[in-house]
N, C-alpha and C. Protein backbone atom coordinates (compact mmCIF):
# COMPACT_ATOMS: atom_id res chain seq x y z
N MET A 1 272.15 115.84 65.77
CA MET A 1 272.85 116.57 66.80
C MET A 1 272.65 115.86 68.12
N LEU A 2 273.69 115.80 68.88
CA LEU A 2 273.66 115.19 70.20
C LEU A 2 273.87 116.29 71.24
N VAL A 3 273.11 116.26 72.30
CA VAL A 3 273.33 117.19 73.41
C VAL A 3 273.64 116.39 74.66
N ILE A 4 274.38 117.00 75.55
CA ILE A 4 274.78 116.36 76.80
C ILE A 4 274.39 117.27 77.95
N HIS A 5 273.70 116.72 78.92
CA HIS A 5 273.31 117.50 80.10
C HIS A 5 274.59 117.97 80.79
N PRO A 6 274.77 119.28 80.94
CA PRO A 6 276.02 119.80 81.51
C PRO A 6 276.35 119.28 82.90
N ASP A 7 275.34 119.01 83.71
CA ASP A 7 275.61 118.53 85.07
C ASP A 7 275.92 117.04 85.11
N GLU A 8 275.63 116.31 84.02
CA GLU A 8 275.92 114.88 83.97
C GLU A 8 277.24 114.58 83.29
N CYS A 9 277.78 115.54 82.56
CA CYS A 9 279.07 115.35 81.89
C CYS A 9 280.17 115.30 82.94
N ILE A 10 281.03 114.29 82.82
CA ILE A 10 282.14 114.15 83.78
C ILE A 10 283.49 114.46 83.14
N ASP A 11 283.44 115.09 81.95
CA ASP A 11 284.66 115.49 81.23
C ASP A 11 285.60 114.32 80.97
N CYS A 12 285.03 113.16 80.65
CA CYS A 12 285.86 111.97 80.40
C CYS A 12 286.46 111.97 79.00
N GLY A 13 285.84 112.70 78.05
CA GLY A 13 286.36 112.79 76.70
C GLY A 13 285.92 111.68 75.76
N VAL A 14 285.09 110.75 76.22
CA VAL A 14 284.67 109.64 75.37
C VAL A 14 283.90 110.14 74.14
N CYS A 15 283.16 111.20 74.26
CA CYS A 15 282.36 111.70 73.15
C CYS A 15 283.20 112.39 72.07
N GLU A 16 284.37 112.87 72.42
CA GLU A 16 285.16 113.67 71.48
C GLU A 16 285.53 112.96 70.19
N PRO A 17 286.00 111.70 70.20
CA PRO A 17 286.33 111.05 68.93
C PRO A 17 285.11 110.79 68.04
N GLU A 18 283.92 110.74 68.63
CA GLU A 18 282.71 110.45 67.88
C GLU A 18 282.11 111.69 67.23
N CYS A 19 282.56 112.86 67.64
CA CYS A 19 281.98 114.10 67.15
C CYS A 19 282.86 114.75 66.08
N PRO A 20 282.24 115.54 65.21
CA PRO A 20 283.02 116.26 64.21
C PRO A 20 284.03 117.20 64.88
N PRO A 21 285.10 117.54 64.17
CA PRO A 21 286.08 118.47 64.74
C PRO A 21 285.42 119.76 65.20
N GLU A 22 285.83 120.23 66.34
CA GLU A 22 285.35 121.48 66.94
C GLU A 22 283.87 121.46 67.34
N ALA A 23 283.26 120.29 67.42
CA ALA A 23 281.86 120.20 67.85
C ALA A 23 281.75 120.31 69.36
N ILE A 24 282.81 119.96 70.07
CA ILE A 24 282.79 120.00 71.53
C ILE A 24 283.79 121.05 71.99
N LEU A 25 283.30 121.98 72.78
CA LEU A 25 284.15 123.05 73.30
C LEU A 25 284.19 122.97 74.82
N PRO A 26 285.31 123.34 75.41
CA PRO A 26 285.34 123.42 76.88
C PRO A 26 284.37 124.52 77.33
N ASP A 27 283.71 124.29 78.44
CA ASP A 27 282.75 125.29 78.92
C ASP A 27 283.43 126.56 79.42
N THR A 28 284.75 126.56 79.46
CA THR A 28 285.49 127.75 79.86
C THR A 28 285.85 128.64 78.67
N GLU A 29 285.61 128.16 77.45
CA GLU A 29 285.92 128.93 76.25
C GLU A 29 284.91 130.06 76.07
N ALA A 30 285.39 131.18 75.54
CA ALA A 30 284.51 132.33 75.31
C ALA A 30 283.34 131.93 74.41
N GLY A 31 282.14 132.31 74.79
CA GLY A 31 280.95 132.00 74.01
C GLY A 31 280.34 130.65 74.31
N ALA A 32 281.00 129.84 75.12
CA ALA A 32 280.50 128.50 75.41
C ALA A 32 279.25 128.53 76.28
N ASP A 33 279.02 129.61 77.00
CA ASP A 33 277.86 129.67 77.89
C ASP A 33 276.55 129.48 77.14
N LYS A 34 276.47 129.97 75.90
CA LYS A 34 275.23 129.77 75.13
C LYS A 34 275.02 128.30 74.80
N TRP A 35 276.12 127.54 74.59
CA TRP A 35 276.00 126.12 74.29
C TRP A 35 275.69 125.31 75.54
N VAL A 36 276.20 125.73 76.68
CA VAL A 36 275.85 125.06 77.93
C VAL A 36 274.35 125.19 78.17
N LYS A 37 273.84 126.39 77.97
CA LYS A 37 272.40 126.62 78.14
C LYS A 37 271.59 125.80 77.13
N PHE A 38 272.03 125.78 75.89
CA PHE A 38 271.35 125.02 74.84
C PHE A 38 271.34 123.53 75.19
N ASN A 39 272.50 122.99 75.58
CA ASN A 39 272.58 121.57 75.94
C ASN A 39 271.68 121.24 77.11
N LEU A 40 271.64 122.10 78.12
CA LEU A 40 270.77 121.86 79.27
C LEU A 40 269.31 121.83 78.82
N GLU A 41 268.90 122.82 78.05
CA GLU A 41 267.51 122.90 77.61
C GLU A 41 267.10 121.67 76.80
N LYS A 42 267.90 121.31 75.81
CA LYS A 42 267.54 120.20 74.93
C LYS A 42 267.68 118.84 75.63
N SER A 43 268.65 118.70 76.52
CA SER A 43 268.82 117.41 77.20
C SER A 43 267.65 117.09 78.13
N LEU A 44 266.93 118.09 78.54
CA LEU A 44 265.76 117.86 79.40
C LEU A 44 264.52 117.41 78.62
N ILE A 45 264.49 117.67 77.30
CA ILE A 45 263.30 117.33 76.53
C ILE A 45 263.54 116.31 75.42
N TRP A 46 264.78 116.16 74.96
CA TRP A 46 265.07 115.17 73.91
C TRP A 46 265.30 113.81 74.57
N PRO A 47 264.99 112.73 73.86
CA PRO A 47 265.18 111.39 74.44
C PRO A 47 266.65 111.02 74.59
N ASN A 48 266.94 110.15 75.54
CA ASN A 48 268.30 109.64 75.73
C ASN A 48 268.63 108.64 74.63
N ILE A 49 269.88 108.66 74.19
CA ILE A 49 270.35 107.68 73.22
C ILE A 49 270.85 106.48 74.02
N THR A 50 270.32 105.31 73.69
CA THR A 50 270.68 104.13 74.47
C THR A 50 271.39 103.07 73.64
N GLU A 51 271.50 103.28 72.33
CA GLU A 51 272.20 102.31 71.49
C GLU A 51 272.85 103.02 70.31
N ARG A 52 273.93 102.42 69.84
CA ARG A 52 274.65 102.98 68.69
C ARG A 52 273.85 102.74 67.42
N ARG A 53 273.83 103.74 66.56
CA ARG A 53 273.14 103.63 65.27
C ARG A 53 274.08 104.10 64.17
N ASP A 54 273.76 103.71 62.95
CA ASP A 54 274.52 104.18 61.80
C ASP A 54 274.31 105.68 61.63
N PRO A 55 275.28 106.38 61.04
CA PRO A 55 275.10 107.81 60.78
C PRO A 55 273.88 108.04 59.89
N LEU A 56 273.28 109.20 60.06
CA LEU A 56 272.12 109.55 59.25
C LEU A 56 272.53 109.74 57.80
N PRO A 57 271.59 109.54 56.86
CA PRO A 57 271.91 109.79 55.45
C PRO A 57 272.39 111.24 55.28
N GLY A 58 273.41 111.43 54.49
CA GLY A 58 273.94 112.76 54.26
C GLY A 58 275.05 113.16 55.20
N ALA A 59 275.35 112.32 56.18
CA ALA A 59 276.37 112.68 57.18
C ALA A 59 277.73 112.91 56.53
N GLU A 60 278.13 112.05 55.62
CA GLU A 60 279.45 112.18 54.99
C GLU A 60 279.56 113.48 54.19
N GLU A 61 278.57 113.79 53.37
CA GLU A 61 278.67 115.00 52.55
C GLU A 61 278.55 116.28 53.37
N ASN A 62 278.03 116.19 54.58
CA ASN A 62 277.94 117.37 55.44
C ASN A 62 279.12 117.52 56.39
N LEU A 63 280.01 116.54 56.39
CA LEU A 63 281.12 116.53 57.35
C LEU A 63 281.95 117.80 57.35
N ASP A 64 282.31 118.31 56.20
CA ASP A 64 283.19 119.48 56.12
C ASP A 64 282.46 120.78 55.85
N LYS A 65 281.15 120.78 55.86
CA LYS A 65 280.41 122.01 55.63
C LYS A 65 280.58 122.97 56.79
N THR A 66 280.50 124.23 56.51
CA THR A 66 280.56 125.26 57.55
C THR A 66 279.13 125.70 57.89
N ASN A 67 278.99 126.35 59.01
CA ASN A 67 277.70 126.88 59.47
C ASN A 67 276.62 125.80 59.53
N LYS A 68 277.00 124.62 59.99
CA LYS A 68 276.05 123.51 60.06
C LYS A 68 274.84 123.82 60.93
N PHE A 69 275.09 124.43 62.07
CA PHE A 69 273.97 124.71 62.97
C PHE A 69 272.97 125.64 62.29
N GLN A 70 273.45 126.71 61.67
CA GLN A 70 272.57 127.67 61.02
C GLN A 70 271.85 127.06 59.82
N ASN A 71 272.50 126.15 59.10
CA ASN A 71 271.94 125.63 57.86
C ASN A 71 271.24 124.28 57.98
N LEU A 72 271.57 123.49 58.99
CA LEU A 72 271.04 122.13 59.05
C LEU A 72 270.22 121.81 60.29
N PHE A 73 270.30 122.62 61.33
CA PHE A 73 269.64 122.29 62.59
C PHE A 73 268.13 122.28 62.45
N ILE A 74 267.53 121.23 62.98
CA ILE A 74 266.06 121.11 63.08
C ILE A 74 265.76 120.95 64.56
N ASP A 75 264.86 121.76 65.08
CA ASP A 75 264.60 121.78 66.52
C ASP A 75 263.68 120.67 66.99
N LYS A 76 264.03 119.44 66.64
CA LYS A 76 263.32 118.27 67.16
C LYS A 76 264.27 117.09 67.08
N PRO A 77 264.11 116.12 67.95
CA PRO A 77 264.99 114.94 67.91
C PRO A 77 264.71 114.11 66.66
N ALA A 78 265.73 113.38 66.23
CA ALA A 78 265.58 112.46 65.10
C ALA A 78 264.65 111.33 65.48
N SER A 79 264.06 110.72 64.50
CA SER A 79 263.18 109.58 64.74
C SER A 79 263.96 108.45 65.39
N GLN A 80 263.32 107.77 66.32
CA GLN A 80 263.97 106.65 66.99
C GLN A 80 263.63 105.32 66.36
N ASN A 81 262.98 105.32 65.22
CA ASN A 81 262.60 104.08 64.54
C ASN A 81 263.80 103.43 63.90
């Protein structure tokens, strides 16, 4: 999972093609306030991504799954090794 600091996002749209469908919502959409808060919280403690990496194992088979956050989220950043 990638988070973006809400105050640093300039709404350029570069992240949209890299993310799964419906992973990015406008902050004006109903219910988006919880995701803005989540992104702010995690962006302050998770490390910055500075280079492109291959998708994690299992990414393809999880692409079309529903309820990914509820079923797959782990509250720690991925290893940077």
